[in-house]
Amino acid sequence: MTIRTIFAATAASLALVAGAASAQDRTGWPSDLTVGTASQGGVYFVYGNGLAAFIGEALGINASGEVTGGPVQNVTLVQTGEHDIGLVTMGPMYEAWIGESELAPGLPHTDVRALFPMYETPFQGVAMRSANISSVADLAGKRVSVGPAGGTPGTYWPRFLESLDVNANVSFAGASDAASQLKDGLIDAFVFAAGVPIGAFSQLAAEADVRVFTFSPEEHTSILENFPEVSPFTIPAGSYTVQAEDQPSVAMWNFAVVRADMPESLAYEITRLVMENNDRMVQIHAAARATLPENAVNNGFLPFHPGAVRWFLENGIDIPEDLRG
């Protein structure tokens, strides 16, 4: 295919999508829509901004991504109506749901609804090879960035370290800043959580002599036993140029969430757009390979928005009665 043919096919595809959306009832639709992402250099930033651009192209809404501290903040921004869509991991989402958010303690975030599954977020670390860090235990006494405060890694890595009795000197920073600090020798390691491949890790692997690492077998077993909100995950060999072997890790599922009062037709159209166009989502980020309808089952507590429920039921995906919000 020529470049001109590819562009023509893409334009025609988007026209069909937009045409289908325009046939829907747009009562109550906003003229602007904000997607809460996370720090630059992380997957949320890429995924969220790409999602906003796709929504804007296909649905004719002025949609944009906004840098945030990550899932903990995103949940609250949706709950309070400051953002229309938030990208969240289900650990922080559950804590917010029951009123135990670190950002807004005592406020049950019960106005939030699930829209669609995104991907799993595995936990992984990176260090200069000269630091001789190959597992979490090696972080004892080291200067370690755990990502931005309020994000999934910034919330859970300190808990993991405490659970494993690893006393590290923890600091908080966005992915891009932490990567720069590692290259400049200001920290000894950077541990994070994001869809694979993590952009900041890939850049470090290309520019510096680094090693990526996860958990020893004993650490892995301990984390799975003590943190039921995570599940086993294998980071495949070759995820980074410096990773020759599979690495055992743990992961949390990510979902896009909205407020319960989003117009049903808009929630339906966004869900349809994402769930029916996986090829386009994978162009945004490789982690979107898991942005598939069948992965809706990985939400076990948060009610889905009625618009999302309608799309899933129409397409043969059962949503339990107690999750039809």
C-alpha atoms as a PDB file:
ATOM      1  CA  MET A   1       0.000   0.000   0.000  1.00  0.00           C
ATOM      2  CA  THR A   2       1.198   3.527  -0.749  1.00  0.00           C
ATOM      3  CA  ILE A   3       1.315   6.189   1.951  1.00  0.00           C
ATOM      4  CA  ARG A   4      -1.543   7.968   0.205  1.00  0.00           C
ATOM      5  CA  THR A   5      -3.645   4.798   0.230  1.00  0.00           C
ATOM      6  CA  ILE A   6      -2.938   4.236   3.939  1.00  0.00           C
ATOM      7  CA  PHE A   7      -3.952   7.791   4.814  1.00  0.00           C
ATOM      8  CA  ALA A   8      -7.089   7.484   2.727  1.00  0.00           C
ATOM      9  CA  ALA A   9      -8.044   4.205   4.404  1.00  0.00           C
ATOM     10  CA  THR A  10      -7.435   5.686   7.863  1.00  0.00           C
ATOM     11  CA  ALA A  11      -9.524   8.748   7.043  1.00  0.00           C
ATOM     12  CA  ALA A  12     -12.330   6.596   5.700  1.00  0.00           C
ATOM     13  CA  SER A  13     -12.251   4.424   8.809  1.00  0.00           C
ATOM     14  CA  LEU A  14     -12.441   7.441  11.096  1.00  0.00           C
ATOM     15  CA  ALA A  15     -15.249   8.894   9.009  1.00  0.00           C
ATOM     16  CA  LEU A  16     -17.253   5.705   9.480  1.00  0.00           C
ATOM     17  CA  VAL A  17     -16.605   5.768  13.228  1.00  0.00           C
ATOM     18  CA  ALA A  18     -17.543   9.414  13.487  1.00  0.00           C
ATOM     19  CA  GLY A  19     -20.627   8.852  11.342  1.00  0.00           C
ATOM     20  CA  ALA A  20     -21.836   6.086  13.625  1.00  0.00           C
ATOM     21  CA  ALA A  21     -21.252   8.280  16.669  1.00  0.00           C
ATOM     22  CA  SER A  22     -23.090  11.246  15.137  1.00  0.00           C
ATOM     23  CA  ALA A  23     -26.191   9.087  14.791  1.00  0.00           C
ATOM     24  CA  GLN A  24     -26.325   8.748  18.578  1.00  0.00           C
ATOM     25  CA  ASP A  25     -28.236  10.999  20.938  1.00  0.00           C
ATOM     26  CA  ARG A  26     -25.704  13.613  22.061  1.00  0.00           C
ATOM     27  CA  THR A  27     -27.869  15.153  24.748  1.00  0.00           C
ATOM     28  CA  GLY A  28     -25.681  16.355  27.603  1.00  0.00           C
ATOM     29  CA  TRP A  29     -22.392  15.685  25.847  1.00  0.00           C
ATOM     30  CA  PRO A  30     -19.645  18.124  26.885  1.00  0.00           C
ATOM     31  CA  SER A  31     -17.836  20.244  24.327  1.00  0.00           C
ATOM     32  CA  ASP A  32     -14.528  19.503  26.094  1.00  0.00           C
ATOM     33  CA  LEU A  33     -13.296  16.308  27.733  1.00  0.00           C
ATOM     34  CA  THR A  34     -10.239  15.801  29.965  1.00  0.00           C
ATOM     35  CA  VAL A  35      -8.392  12.512  30.470  1.00  0.00           C
ATOM     36  CA  GLY A  36      -6.276  12.236  33.629  1.00  0.00           C
ATOM     37  CA  THR A  37      -2.976  10.485  32.824  1.00  0.00           C
ATOM     38  CA  ALA A  38       0.245  10.542  34.940  1.00  0.00           C
ATOM     39  CA  SER A  39       3.810  11.839  34.708  1.00  0.00           C
ATOM     40  CA  GLN A  40       5.630  12.223  31.397  1.00  0.00           C
ATOM     41  CA  GLY A  41       7.721   9.186  30.502  1.00  0.00           C
ATOM     42  CA  GLY A  42       5.167   6.697  31.800  1.00  0.00           C
ATOM     43  CA  VAL A  43       2.654   4.589  29.873  1.00  0.00           C
ATOM     44  CA  TYR A  44      -0.380   6.453  31.245  1.00  0.00           C
ATOM     45  CA  PHE A  45       0.905   9.659  29.674  1.00  0.00           C
ATOM     46  CA  VAL A  46       1.212   8.050  26.227  1.00  0.00           C
ATOM     47  CA  TYR A  47      -1.955   5.939  26.491  1.00  0.00           C
ATOM     48  CA  GLY A  48      -4.100   8.746  27.901  1.00  0.00           C
ATOM     49  CA  ASN A  49      -3.049  11.385  25.403  1.00  0.00           C
ATOM     50  CA  GLY A  50      -3.491   8.910  22.547  1.00  0.00           C
ATOM     51  CA  LEU A  51      -6.940   7.991  23.845  1.00  0.00           C
ATOM     52  CA  ALA A  52      -7.905  11.663  24.038  1.00  0.00           C
ATOM     53  CA  ALA A  53      -6.744  12.244  20.462  1.00  0.00           C
ATOM     54  CA  PHE A  54      -8.713   9.209  19.235  1.00  0.00           C
ATOM     55  CA  ILE A  55     -11.868  10.376  20.999  1.00  0.00           C
ATOM     56  CA  GLY A  56     -11.420  13.843  19.538  1.00  0.00           C
ATOM     57  CA  GLU A  57     -10.981  12.534  15.996  1.00  0.00           C
ATOM     58  CA  ALA A  58     -13.815  10.029  16.090  1.00  0.00           C
ATOM     59  CA  LEU A  59     -16.430  11.708  18.271  1.00  0.00           C
ATOM     60  CA  GLY A  60     -15.814  15.354  17.486  1.00  0.00           C
ATOM     61  CA  ILE A  61     -15.103  16.382  21.079  1.00  0.00           C
ATOM     62  CA  ASN A  62     -12.234  18.648  22.091  1.00  0.00           C
ATOM     63  CA  ALA A  63     -10.482  15.994  24.210  1.00  0.00           C
ATOM     64  CA  SER A  64      -7.076  16.336  25.845  1.00  0.00           C
ATOM     65  CA  GLY A  65      -4.841  14.482  28.302  1.00  0.00           C
ATOM     66  CA  GLU A  66      -3.593  16.124  31.481  1.00  0.00           C
ATOM     67  CA  VAL A  67      -0.463  15.308  33.469  1.00  0.00           C
ATOM     68  CA  THR A  68      -1.321  14.154  37.013  1.00  0.00           C
ATOM     69  CA  GLY A  69       0.253  12.279  39.899  1.00  0.00           C
ATOM     70  CA  GLY A  70      -1.305   9.053  38.622  1.00  0.00           C
ATOM     71  CA  PRO A  71      -4.149   6.738  39.671  1.00  0.00           C
ATOM     72  CA  VAL A  72      -4.671   7.967  43.240  1.00  0.00           C
ATOM     73  CA  GLN A  73      -5.163  11.517  42.012  1.00  0.00           C
ATOM     74  CA  ASN A  74      -7.064  10.462  38.884  1.00  0.00           C
ATOM     75  CA  VAL A  75      -9.765   8.703  40.918  1.00  0.00           C
ATOM     76  CA  THR A  76     -10.388  11.790  43.033  1.00  0.00           C
ATOM     77  CA  LEU A  77     -10.400  14.113  40.011  1.00  0.00           C
ATOM     78  CA  VAL A  78     -13.145  11.971  38.446  1.00  0.00           C
ATOM     79  CA  GLN A  79     -15.070  11.705  41.739  1.00  0.00           C
ATOM     80  CA  THR A  80     -15.091  15.497  42.131  1.00  0.00           C
ATOM     81  CA  GLY A  81     -15.987  16.096  38.479  1.00  0.00           C
ATOM     82  CA  GLU A  82     -12.755  17.912  37.611  1.00  0.00           C
ATOM     83  CA  HIS A  83     -11.830  15.251  35.013  1.00  0.00           C
ATOM     84  CA  ASP A  84     -14.143  13.307  32.708  1.00  0.00           C
ATOM     85  CA  ILE A  85     -12.020  10.148  32.348  1.00  0.00           C
ATOM     86  CA  GLY A  86      -9.356   8.809  34.686  1.00  0.00           C
ATOM     87  CA  LEU A  87      -6.819   6.039  34.143  1.00  0.00           C
ATOM     88  CA  VAL A  88      -6.525   3.963  37.316  1.00  0.00           C
ATOM     89  CA  THR A  89      -5.085   0.778  38.718  1.00  0.00           C
ATOM     90  CA  MET A  90      -7.571  -1.241  40.698  1.00  0.00           C
ATOM     91  CA  GLY A  91      -5.618  -1.225  43.984  1.00  0.00           C
ATOM     92  CA  PRO A  92      -5.836   2.559  44.468  1.00  0.00           C
ATOM     93  CA  MET A  93      -9.337   2.463  42.962  1.00  0.00           C
ATOM     94  CA  TYR A  94     -10.536   0.030  45.616  1.00  0.00           C
ATOM     95  CA  GLU A  95      -9.037   2.090  48.436  1.00  0.00           C
ATOM     96  CA  ALA A  96     -10.760   5.214  47.094  1.00  0.00           C
ATOM     97  CA  TRP A  97     -14.040   3.318  46.641  1.00  0.00           C
ATOM     98  CA  ILE A  98     -14.149   2.405  50.342  1.00  0.00           C
ATOM     99  CA  GLY A  99     -13.026   5.852  51.523  1.00  0.00           C
ATOM    100  CA  GLU A 100      -9.386   5.065  52.243  1.00  0.00           C
ATOM    101  CA  SER A 101      -7.713   7.094  49.505  1.00  0.00           C
ATOM    102  CA  GLU A 102      -4.421   8.641  50.619  1.00  0.00           C
ATOM    103  CA  LEU A 103      -5.420  11.826  48.797  1.00  0.00           C
ATOM    104  CA  ALA A 104      -8.984  12.120  50.146  1.00  0.00           C
ATOM    105  CA  PRO A 105      -9.275   9.935  53.269  1.00  0.00           C
ATOM    106  CA  GLY A 106     -12.783   9.503  54.582  1.00  0.00           C
ATOM    107  CA  LEU A 107     -14.425  10.223  51.204  1.00  0.00           C
ATOM    108  CA  PRO A 108     -15.899   7.085  49.595  1.00  0.00           C
ATOM    109  CA  HIS A 109     -15.477   7.565  45.837  1.00  0.00           C
ATOM    110  CA  THR A 110     -18.835   5.991  45.032  1.00  0.00           C
ATOM    111  CA  ASP A 111     -19.632   8.255  42.066  1.00  0.00           C
ATOM    112  CA  VAL A 112     -16.943   6.553  39.960  1.00  0.00           C
ATOM    113  CA  ARG A 113     -17.817   3.898  37.363  1.00  0.00           C
ATOM    114  CA  ALA A 114     -15.715   1.548  35.226  1.00  0.00           C
ATOM    115  CA  LEU A 115     -15.669   2.084  31.474  1.00  0.00           C
ATOM    116  CA  PHE A 116     -13.276  -0.439  29.903  1.00  0.00           C
ATOM    117  CA  PRO A 117     -10.194  -2.571  30.754  1.00  0.00           C
ATOM    118  CA  MET A 118      -6.808  -1.233  29.709  1.00  0.00           C
ATOM    119  CA  TYR A 119      -3.884  -3.534  30.561  1.00  0.00           C
ATOM    120  CA  GLU A 120      -1.888  -4.957  33.436  1.00  0.00           C
ATOM    121  CA  THR A 121       0.649  -2.817  35.261  1.00  0.00           C
ATOM    122  CA  PRO A 122       3.710  -4.863  36.283  1.00  0.00           C
ATOM    123  CA  PHE A 123       6.252  -3.674  38.841  1.00  0.00           C
ATOM    124  CA  GLN A 124       9.903  -3.482  37.776  1.00  0.00           C
ATOM    125  CA  GLY A 125      13.113  -1.664  38.622  1.00  0.00           C
ATOM    126  CA  VAL A 126      16.144  -0.325  36.795  1.00  0.00           C
ATOM    127  CA  ALA A 127      19.646   0.516  38.062  1.00  0.00           C
ATOM    128  CA  MET A 128      23.076   1.235  36.644  1.00  0.00           C
ATOM    129  CA  ARG A 129      24.846  -2.082  36.098  1.00  0.00           C
ATOM    130  CA  SER A 130      27.747  -0.873  38.221  1.00  0.00           C
ATOM    131  CA  ALA A 131      25.430  -0.673  41.265  1.00  0.00           C
ATOM    132  CA  ASN A 132      25.154  -4.502  41.379  1.00  0.00           C
ATOM    133  CA  ILE A 133      21.405  -4.408  42.067  1.00  0.00           C
ATOM    134  CA  SER A 134      19.588  -7.508  40.827  1.00  0.00           C
ATOM    135  CA  SER A 135      16.621  -7.867  43.218  1.00  0.00           C
ATOM    136  CA  VAL A 136      14.631  -5.835  45.720  1.00  0.00           C
ATOM    137  CA  ALA A 137      16.790  -6.946  48.664  1.00  0.00           C
ATOM    138  CA  ASP A 138      19.749  -5.157  47.059  1.00  0.00           C
ATOM    139  CA  LEU A 139      17.948  -1.834  47.523  1.00  0.00           C
ATOM    140  CA  ALA A 140      18.651  -1.822  51.271  1.00  0.00           C
ATOM    141  CA  GLY A 141      20.477   1.383  52.172  1.00  0.00           C
ATOM    142  CA  LYS A 142      20.201   2.691  48.598  1.00  0.00           C
ATOM    143  CA  ARG A 143      18.684   5.903  47.242  1.00  0.00           C
ATOM    144  CA  VAL A 144      15.572   4.748  45.392  1.00  0.00           C
ATOM    145  CA  SER A 145      12.985   6.718  43.416  1.00  0.00           C
ATOM    146  CA  VAL A 146       9.556   5.068  43.504  1.00  0.00           C
ATOM    147  CA  GLY A 147       7.765   7.254  40.954  1.00  0.00           C
ATOM    148  CA  PRO A 148       5.449  10.199  41.677  1.00  0.00           C
ATOM    149  CA  ALA A 149       3.658  10.477  45.018  1.00  0.00           C
ATOM    150  CA  GLY A 150       0.043   9.409  44.601  1.00  0.00           C
ATOM    151  CA  GLY A 151       0.720   7.078  41.686  1.00  0.00           C
ATOM    152  CA  THR A 152       0.558   3.292  41.790  1.00  0.00           C
ATOM    153  CA  PRO A 153       4.339   2.784  42.139  1.00  0.00           C
ATOM    154  CA  GLY A 154       4.652   5.656  44.612  1.00  0.00           C
ATOM    155  CA  THR A 155       1.942   4.063  46.730  1.00  0.00           C
ATOM    156  CA  TYR A 156       2.851   0.383  46.513  1.00  0.00           C
ATOM    157  CA  TRP A 157       6.647   0.244  46.244  1.00  0.00           C
ATOM    158  CA  PRO A 158       7.117   1.699  49.766  1.00  0.00           C
ATOM    159  CA  ARG A 159       4.634  -0.910  51.018  1.00  0.00           C
ATOM    160  CA  PHE A 160       6.495  -3.688  49.218  1.00  0.00           C
ATOM    161  CA  LEU A 161       9.819  -2.537  50.681  1.00  0.00           C
ATOM    162  CA  GLU A 162       8.371  -2.402  54.189  1.00  0.00           C
ATOM    163  CA  SER A 163       6.788  -5.834  53.795  1.00  0.00           C
ATOM    164  CA  LEU A 164      10.142  -7.279  52.691  1.00  0.00           C
ATOM    165  CA  ASP A 165      12.046  -5.475  55.494  1.00  0.00           C
ATOM    166  CA  VAL A 166      14.112  -3.537  52.984  1.00  0.00           C
ATOM    167  CA  ASN A 167      15.139  -0.170  54.433  1.00  0.00           C
ATOM    168  CA  ALA A 168      15.817   2.113  51.455  1.00  0.00           C
ATOM    169  CA  ASN A 169      16.091   5.897  51.199  1.00  0.00           C
ATOM    170  CA  VAL A 170      12.920   6.526  49.184  1.00  0.00           C
ATOM    171  CA  SER A 171      12.196   9.606  47.061  1.00  0.00           C
ATOM    172  CA  PHE A 172       9.369  10.541  44.681  1.00  0.00           C
ATOM    173  CA  ALA A 173       9.630  11.810  41.100  1.00  0.00           C
ATOM    174  CA  GLY A 174       7.988  11.479  37.705  1.00  0.00           C
ATOM    175  CA  ALA A 175       9.342   8.839  35.347  1.00  0.00           C
ATOM    176  CA  SER A 176      11.363  11.219  33.169  1.00  0.00           C
ATOM    177  CA  ASP A 177      12.865  13.006  36.167  1.00  0.00           C
ATOM    178  CA  ALA A 178      13.728   9.727  37.920  1.00  0.00           C
ATOM    179  CA  ALA A 179      15.452   8.428  34.786  1.00  0.00           C
ATOM    180  CA  SER A 180      17.528  11.604  34.585  1.00  0.00           C
ATOM    181  CA  GLN A 181      18.412  11.344  38.287  1.00  0.00           C
ATOM    182  CA  LEU A 182      19.606   7.770  37.760  1.00  0.00           C
ATOM    183  CA  LYS A 183      21.840   8.755  34.830  1.00  0.00           C
ATOM    184  CA  ASP A 184      23.248  11.668  36.847  1.00  0.00           C
ATOM    185  CA  GLY A 185      24.063   9.464  39.838  1.00  0.00           C
ATOM    186  CA  LEU A 186      21.610  11.242  42.144  1.00  0.00           C
ATOM    187  CA  ILE A 187      19.813   7.960  42.921  1.00  0.00           C
ATOM    188  CA  ASP A 188      20.927   4.340  42.892  1.00  0.00           C
ATOM    189  CA  ALA A 189      17.765   2.773  41.487  1.00  0.00           C
ATOM    190  CA  PHE A 190      14.403   3.648  39.985  1.00  0.00           C
ATOM    191  CA  VAL A 191      11.491   1.309  40.671  1.00  0.00           C
ATOM    192  CA  PHE A 192       8.234   1.847  38.823  1.00  0.00           C
ATOM    193  CA  ALA A 193       4.978   0.294  37.656  1.00  0.00           C
ATOM    194  CA  ALA A 194       3.567   0.762  34.159  1.00  0.00           C
ATOM    195  CA  GLY A 195       2.627  -1.140  31.030  1.00  0.00           C
ATOM    196  CA  VAL A 196       5.546  -2.838  29.324  1.00  0.00           C
ATOM    197  CA  PRO A 197       7.656  -1.459  27.762  1.00  0.00           C
ATOM    198  CA  ILE A 198       8.064   1.511  30.112  1.00  0.00           C
ATOM    199  CA  GLY A 199       9.235   4.415  27.970  1.00  0.00           C
ATOM    200  CA  ALA A 200      11.697   5.756  30.536  1.00  0.00           C
ATOM    201  CA  PHE A 201      13.257   2.287  30.952  1.00  0.00           C
ATOM    202  CA  SER A 202      13.603   1.844  27.187  1.00  0.00           C
ATOM    203  CA  GLN A 203      15.337   5.201  26.910  1.00  0.00           C
ATOM    204  CA  LEU A 204      17.721   4.339  29.757  1.00  0.00           C
ATOM    205  CA  ALA A 205      18.517   0.992  28.134  1.00  0.00           C
ATOM    206  CA  ALA A 206      19.412   2.822  24.916  1.00  0.00           C
ATOM    207  CA  GLU A 207      21.502   5.540  26.528  1.00  0.00           C
ATOM    208  CA  ALA A 208      23.217   3.976  29.563  1.00  0.00           C
ATOM    209  CA  ASP A 209      24.644   0.725  30.914  1.00  0.00           C
ATOM    210  CA  VAL A 210      21.690  -0.362  33.038  1.00  0.00           C
ATOM    211  CA  ARG A 211      20.089  -3.531  34.383  1.00  0.00           C
ATOM    212  CA  VAL A 212      16.355  -4.113  34.829  1.00  0.00           C
ATOM    213  CA  PHE A 213      15.270  -6.254  37.772  1.00  0.00           C
ATOM    214  CA  THR A 214      12.243  -7.521  39.686  1.00  0.00           C
ATOM    215  CA  PHE A 215      11.891  -9.887  42.650  1.00  0.00           C
ATOM    216  CA  SER A 216      13.838 -12.916  43.805  1.00  0.00           C
ATOM    217  CA  PRO A 217      11.709 -16.108  44.001  1.00  0.00           C
ATOM    218  CA  GLU A 218      11.345 -15.685  47.770  1.00  0.00           C
ATOM    219  CA  GLU A 219      10.391 -12.001  47.454  1.00  0.00           C
ATOM    220  CA  HIS A 220       7.914 -12.843  44.713  1.00  0.00           C
ATOM    221  CA  THR A 221       6.149 -15.439  46.876  1.00  0.00           C
ATOM    222  CA  SER A 222       6.018 -13.055  49.840  1.00  0.00           C
ATOM    223  CA  ILE A 223       4.487 -10.184  47.844  1.00  0.00           C
ATOM    224  CA  LEU A 224       1.793 -12.440  46.376  1.00  0.00           C
ATOM    225  CA  GLU A 225       0.930 -13.732  49.834  1.00  0.00           C
ATOM    226  CA  ASN A 226       0.747 -10.302  51.457  1.00  0.00           C
ATOM    227  CA  PHE A 227      -0.868  -8.223  48.705  1.00  0.00           C
ATOM    228  CA  PRO A 228      -4.057  -9.844  47.348  1.00  0.00           C
ATOM    229  CA  GLU A 229      -4.662  -6.858  45.036  1.00  0.00           C
ATOM    230  CA  VAL A 230      -1.780  -7.975  42.789  1.00  0.00           C
ATOM    231  CA  SER A 231      -1.464 -11.045  40.583  1.00  0.00           C
ATOM    232  CA  PRO A 232       1.517 -12.954  39.110  1.00  0.00           C
ATOM    233  CA  PHE A 233       2.987 -11.506  35.946  1.00  0.00           C
ATOM    234  CA  THR A 234       5.989 -12.381  33.791  1.00  0.00           C
ATOM    235  CA  ILE A 235       7.847  -9.563  32.052  1.00  0.00           C
ATOM    236  CA  PRO A 236       8.924 -11.220  28.789  1.00  0.00           C
ATOM    237  CA  ALA A 237      12.545 -11.482  27.742  1.00  0.00           C
ATOM    238  CA  GLY A 238      13.373  -8.832  25.197  1.00  0.00           C
ATOM    239  CA  SER A 239      11.019  -6.224  26.647  1.00  0.00           C
ATOM    240  CA  TYR A 240      14.165  -4.077  26.817  1.00  0.00           C
ATOM    241  CA  THR A 241      17.428  -4.455  24.947  1.00  0.00           C
ATOM    242  CA  VAL A 242      19.164  -5.247  28.256  1.00  0.00           C
ATOM    243  CA  GLN A 243      16.679  -7.928  29.356  1.00  0.00           C
ATOM    244  CA  ALA A 244      17.712 -11.355  28.075  1.00  0.00           C
ATOM    245  CA  GLU A 245      15.424 -13.495  30.258  1.00  0.00           C
ATOM    246  CA  ASP A 246      11.857 -13.545  31.552  1.00  0.00           C
ATOM    247  CA  GLN A 247      11.481 -11.794  34.902  1.00  0.00           C
ATOM    248  CA  PRO A 248       8.848 -12.831  37.485  1.00  0.00           C
ATOM    249  CA  SER A 249       6.862  -9.898  38.805  1.00  0.00           C
ATOM    250  CA  VAL A 250       3.412  -8.876  40.028  1.00  0.00           C
ATOM    251  CA  ALA A 251       0.845  -6.658  38.360  1.00  0.00           C
ATOM    252  CA  MET A 252      -2.412  -4.782  38.848  1.00  0.00           C
ATOM    253  CA  TRP A 253      -5.100  -4.307  36.232  1.00  0.00           C
ATOM    254  CA  ASN A 254      -5.830  -0.838  34.877  1.00  0.00           C
ATOM    255  CA  PHE A 255      -9.249   0.470  33.907  1.00  0.00           C
ATOM    256  CA  ALA A 256     -10.547   3.707  32.466  1.00  0.00           C
ATOM    257  CA  VAL A 257     -13.162   5.212  34.791  1.00  0.00           C
ATOM    258  CA  VAL A 258     -15.741   7.985  34.573  1.00  0.00           C
ATOM    259  CA  ARG A 259     -18.366   9.594  36.788  1.00  0.00           C
ATOM    260  CA  ALA A 260     -21.746   7.907  37.082  1.00  0.00           C
ATOM    261  CA  ASP A 261     -23.437  11.017  35.659  1.00  0.00           C
ATOM    262  CA  MET A 262     -21.637  10.894  32.294  1.00  0.00           C
ATOM    263  CA  PRO A 263     -24.365  10.727  29.609  1.00  0.00           C
ATOM    264  CA  GLU A 264     -25.068   7.081  28.834  1.00  0.00           C
ATOM    265  CA  SER A 265     -24.740   7.613  25.095  1.00  0.00           C
ATOM    266  CA  LEU A 266     -21.267   9.156  25.505  1.00  0.00           C
ATOM    267  CA  ALA A 267     -20.053   6.342  27.783  1.00  0.00           C
ATOM    268  CA  TYR A 268     -21.396   3.847  25.230  1.00  0.00           C
ATOM    269  CA  GLU A 269     -19.633   5.548  22.313  1.00  0.00           C
ATOM    270  CA  ILE A 270     -16.273   5.795  24.081  1.00  0.00           C
ATOM    271  CA  THR A 271     -16.474   2.146  25.125  1.00  0.00           C
ATOM    272  CA  ARG A 272     -17.446   1.102  21.608  1.00  0.00           C
ATOM    273  CA  LEU A 273     -14.669   3.187  20.074  1.00  0.00           C
ATOM    274  CA  VAL A 274     -11.944   1.617  22.231  1.00  0.00           C
ATOM    275  CA  MET A 275     -13.259  -1.948  22.349  1.00  0.00           C
ATOM    276  CA  GLU A 276     -13.866  -2.184  18.584  1.00  0.00           C
ATOM    277  CA  ASN A 277     -10.569  -0.628  17.454  1.00  0.00           C
ATOM    278  CA  ASN A 278      -7.784  -2.526  19.182  1.00  0.00           C
ATOM    279  CA  ASP A 279      -5.417  -2.066  16.230  1.00  0.00           C
ATOM    280  CA  ARG A 280      -5.636   1.701  16.688  1.00  0.00           C
ATOM    281  CA  MET A 281      -5.158   1.414  20.455  1.00  0.00           C
ATOM    282  CA  VAL A 282      -2.018  -0.711  19.961  1.00  0.00           C
ATOM    283  CA  GLN A 283      -0.654   2.018  17.675  1.00  0.00           C
ATOM    284  CA  ILE A 284      -0.954   4.343  20.677  1.00  0.00           C
ATOM    285  CA  HIS A 285       0.958   1.967  22.970  1.00  0.00           C
ATOM    286  CA  ALA A 286       1.893  -1.718  22.806  1.00  0.00           C
ATOM    287  CA  ALA A 287       0.380  -2.301  26.263  1.00  0.00           C
ATOM    288  CA  ALA A 288      -3.046  -1.862  24.654  1.00  0.00           C
ATOM    289  CA  ARG A 289      -2.762  -5.410  23.310  1.00  0.00           C
ATOM    290  CA  ALA A 290      -4.682  -6.245  26.496  1.00  0.00           C
ATOM    291  CA  THR A 291      -7.337  -3.553  25.905  1.00  0.00           C
ATOM    292  CA  LEU A 292      -9.865  -6.222  24.953  1.00  0.00           C
ATOM    293  CA  PRO A 293     -13.530  -6.811  25.860  1.00  0.00           C
ATOM    294  CA  GLU A 294     -12.877 -10.185  27.505  1.00  0.00           C
ATOM    295  CA  ASN A 295     -10.634  -8.514  30.076  1.00  0.00           C
ATOM    296  CA  ALA A 296     -13.616  -6.746  31.625  1.00  0.00           C
ATOM    297  CA  VAL A 297     -13.755  -9.745  33.993  1.00  0.00           C
ATOM    298  CA  ASN A 298     -10.655  -8.400  35.770  1.00  0.00           C
ATOM    299  CA  ASN A 299     -12.822  -5.853  37.574  1.00  0.00           C
ATOM    300  CA  GLY A 300     -14.374  -7.547  40.588  1.00  0.00           C
ATOM    301  CA  PHE A 301     -15.872  -4.674  42.593  1.00  0.00           C
ATOM    302  CA  LEU A 302     -16.392  -1.403  40.684  1.00  0.00           C
ATOM    303  CA  PRO A 303     -19.792  -1.021  38.935  1.00  0.00           C
ATOM    304  CA  PHE A 304     -19.581  -0.377  35.207  1.00  0.00           C
ATOM    305  CA  HIS A 305     -21.251   2.711  33.755  1.00  0.00           C
ATOM    306  CA  PRO A 306     -24.647   1.822  32.208  1.00  0.00           C
ATOM    307  CA  GLY A 307     -23.377   2.931  28.792  1.00  0.00           C
ATOM    308  CA  ALA A 308     -20.454   0.530  29.038  1.00  0.00           C
ATOM    309  CA  VAL A 309     -22.744  -2.237  30.333  1.00  0.00           C
ATOM    310  CA  ARG A 310     -24.961  -1.813  27.264  1.00  0.00           C
ATOM    311  CA  TRP A 311     -22.023  -2.193  24.879  1.00  0.00           C
ATOM    312  CA  PHE A 312     -20.599  -5.251  26.667  1.00  0.00           C
ATOM    313  CA  LEU A 313     -23.967  -7.032  26.809  1.00  0.00           C
ATOM    314  CA  GLU A 314     -24.659  -6.284  23.138  1.00  0.00           C
ATOM    315  CA  ASN A 315     -21.322  -7.890  22.289  1.00  0.00           C
ATOM    316  CA  GLY A 316     -21.623 -11.059  24.319  1.00  0.00           C
ATOM    317  CA  ILE A 317     -19.612  -9.991  27.388  1.00  0.00           C
ATOM    318  CA  ASP A 318     -21.530 -10.756  30.567  1.00  0.00           C
ATOM    319  CA  ILE A 319     -21.388  -8.151  33.303  1.00  0.00           C
ATOM    320  CA  PRO A 320     -22.568  -9.465  36.703  1.00  0.00           C
ATOM    321  CA  GLU A 321     -25.788  -7.918  37.961  1.00  0.00           C
ATOM    322  CA  ASP A 322     -24.052  -6.354  40.975  1.00  0.00           C
ATOM    323  CA  LEU A 323     -21.588  -4.572  38.658  1.00  0.00           C
ATOM    324  CA  ARG A 324     -24.213  -2.987  36.424  1.00  0.00           C
ATOM    325  CA  GLY A 325     -24.065   0.539  37.824  1.00  0.00           C
END
